[in-house]
Protein backbone atom coordinates (compact mmCIF):
# COMPACT_ATOMS: atom_id res chain seq x y z
CA MET A 1 -4.05 -44.92 71.51
CA ALA A 2 -5.83 -43.88 68.31
CA VAL A 3 -3.65 -43.04 65.32
CA ASN A 4 -5.00 -40.74 62.61
CA ASP A 5 -2.50 -41.84 59.94
CA PRO A 6 -1.44 -45.50 60.41
CA ILE A 7 0.95 -45.45 57.39
CA ALA A 8 2.83 -42.43 58.78
CA ASP A 9 2.98 -44.19 62.17
CA PHE A 10 4.39 -47.31 60.46
CA LEU A 11 7.10 -45.28 58.68
CA THR A 12 7.96 -43.33 61.85
CA ARG A 13 8.36 -46.51 63.91
CA ILE A 14 10.78 -47.96 61.34
CA ARG A 15 12.67 -44.65 61.04
CA ASN A 16 13.00 -44.29 64.84
CA ALA A 17 14.08 -47.91 65.31
CA GLY A 18 16.78 -47.44 62.66
CA LEU A 19 18.06 -44.26 64.29
CA ALA A 20 18.20 -46.07 67.65
CA LYS A 21 20.01 -49.04 65.99
CA HIS A 22 17.35 -51.57 67.04
CA GLU A 23 17.45 -54.96 65.32
CA THR A 24 13.67 -55.39 65.14
CA VAL A 25 10.58 -53.23 65.40
CA SER A 26 7.03 -54.37 66.22
CA ILE A 27 4.10 -52.62 64.55
CA PRO A 28 0.31 -53.17 64.90
CA TYR A 29 -1.01 -55.25 62.01
CA SER A 30 -3.01 -54.10 59.01
CA LYS A 31 -3.15 -55.49 55.48
CA MET A 32 -1.73 -52.30 53.94
CA LYS A 33 1.18 -52.12 56.41
CA ALA A 34 1.93 -55.80 55.79
CA GLU A 35 2.08 -55.16 52.02
CA ILE A 36 4.36 -52.14 52.47
CA ALA A 37 6.63 -54.23 54.71
CA ARG A 38 6.68 -56.99 52.06
CA ILE A 39 7.78 -54.45 49.43
CA LEU A 40 10.53 -53.18 51.75
CA LYS A 41 11.78 -56.78 52.05
CA GLU A 42 11.59 -57.39 48.27
CA GLU A 43 13.53 -54.19 47.58
CA GLY A 44 16.23 -55.14 50.11
CA TYR A 45 15.61 -52.40 52.70
CA VAL A 46 14.81 -54.85 55.55
CA THR A 47 16.06 -58.35 56.30
CA GLU A 48 12.89 -60.14 57.38
CA VAL A 49 9.17 -59.48 57.89
CA SER A 50 6.99 -61.77 60.01
CA GLU A 51 3.64 -61.74 61.80
CA LYS A 52 3.14 -62.58 65.46
CA GLY A 53 0.00 -63.09 67.50
CA SER A 54 -3.65 -63.18 66.46
CA GLY A 55 -6.72 -61.01 66.70
CA PRO A 56 -6.27 -57.52 68.10
CA GLU A 57 -2.82 -58.45 69.44
CA ARG A 58 -1.53 -59.24 65.92
CA LYS A 59 1.79 -57.52 65.11
CA ILE A 60 4.15 -57.16 62.16
CA VAL A 61 7.76 -57.72 63.21
CA VAL A 62 10.30 -56.09 60.89
CA GLU A 63 13.98 -57.01 61.16
CA LEU A 64 16.02 -54.00 60.10
CA LYS A 65 19.03 -54.25 57.81
CA TYR A 66 22.41 -52.64 58.49
CA GLY A 67 25.67 -52.56 56.55
CA PRO A 68 28.93 -54.07 57.85
CA ASP A 69 29.94 -50.69 59.27
CA GLY A 70 26.56 -50.20 60.99
CA THR A 71 25.00 -47.88 58.40
CA ARG A 72 21.25 -48.18 57.92
CA ALA A 73 19.87 -49.63 54.68
CA ILE A 74 16.98 -47.15 54.91
CA HIS A 75 18.42 -43.65 54.82
CA GLY A 76 15.07 -41.90 54.59
CA MET A 77 11.33 -42.43 54.40
CA ARG A 78 8.79 -39.78 53.51
CA ARG A 79 4.99 -39.94 53.58
CA VAL A 80 3.61 -38.33 50.42
CA SER A 81 -0.17 -38.84 50.39
CA ARG A 82 -1.75 -37.87 53.70
CA PRO A 83 -5.33 -38.16 54.99
CA GLY A 84 -5.78 -34.40 54.57
CA ARG A 85 -4.20 -34.26 51.13
CA ARG A 86 -4.28 -37.33 48.93
CA THR A 87 -1.76 -37.48 46.08
CA TYR A 88 -2.72 -39.42 42.95
CA ARG A 89 -0.52 -39.79 39.86
CA LYS A 90 -1.08 -41.18 36.38
CA GLN A 91 1.39 -43.72 35.02
CA GLN A 92 3.36 -41.03 33.14
CA GLU A 93 3.52 -38.78 36.24
CA ILE A 94 4.77 -41.33 38.80
CA PRO A 95 7.78 -39.69 40.48
CA ARG A 96 11.27 -41.20 40.34
CA VAL A 97 12.92 -41.20 43.76
CA LEU A 98 16.58 -40.12 43.63
CA ASP A 99 16.68 -40.88 39.89
CA GLY A 100 15.71 -44.51 40.46
CA LEU A 101 17.92 -45.19 43.50
CA GLY A 102 14.92 -44.99 45.84
CA VAL A 103 11.45 -46.47 45.64
CA ALA A 104 8.01 -44.86 45.54
CA ILE A 105 5.29 -47.10 46.96
CA LEU A 106 1.84 -46.73 45.38
CA SER A 107 -1.63 -47.99 46.16
CA THR A 108 -3.14 -49.04 42.83
CA SER A 109 -6.18 -50.93 41.58
CA GLN A 110 -3.89 -53.99 41.36
CA GLY A 111 -2.66 -53.69 44.96
CA ILE A 112 0.33 -52.05 46.64
CA LEU A 113 3.15 -51.73 44.08
CA THR A 114 6.51 -50.05 43.62
CA ASP A 115 6.88 -47.26 41.09
CA HIS A 116 8.81 -49.58 38.76
CA LYS A 117 6.06 -52.22 38.68
CA ALA A 118 3.28 -49.63 38.31
CA ARG A 119 5.04 -48.05 35.32
CA SER A 120 5.64 -51.43 33.67
CA ARG A 121 1.97 -52.39 34.13
CA GLY A 122 0.85 -49.00 32.81
CA ILE A 123 -1.19 -47.97 35.84
CA GLY A 124 -1.13 -45.06 38.28
CA GLY A 125 -2.46 -44.67 41.77
CA GLU A 126 -2.06 -43.01 45.13
CA VAL A 127 1.58 -42.31 46.02
CA LEU A 128 1.87 -43.52 49.61
CA CYS A 129 5.54 -42.89 50.43
CA PHE A 130 9.14 -42.61 49.26
CA VAL A 131 11.87 -44.89 50.61
CA TYR A 132 15.57 -44.28 49.94
């Protein structure tokens, strides 16, 4: 099935798996989705990220993280820049998610970065999504 917005599909699969209390979720591979998953792991929102298969059957397997009482580590995810309306921000205009408690993920000239890293490097870019 063709997907018009693969990043939104990626976020929706993780959101739905969390709501259904699944331990892992499998997502079709792309370099951008793999980088976003790596950032989610670095920021502590997911436990593990791995790749399975090869060629067109290649998948990203994300192991979701839950608290001791079963609460999700990811409370919300929101797609900001969409194919029909791209959202670009300069370094000074990069939004802070929940006053720094969440993370904005940006696509920059130096790769996929969090809002914190983009501000410290002094670069802006396309705001892909918010995770909190």
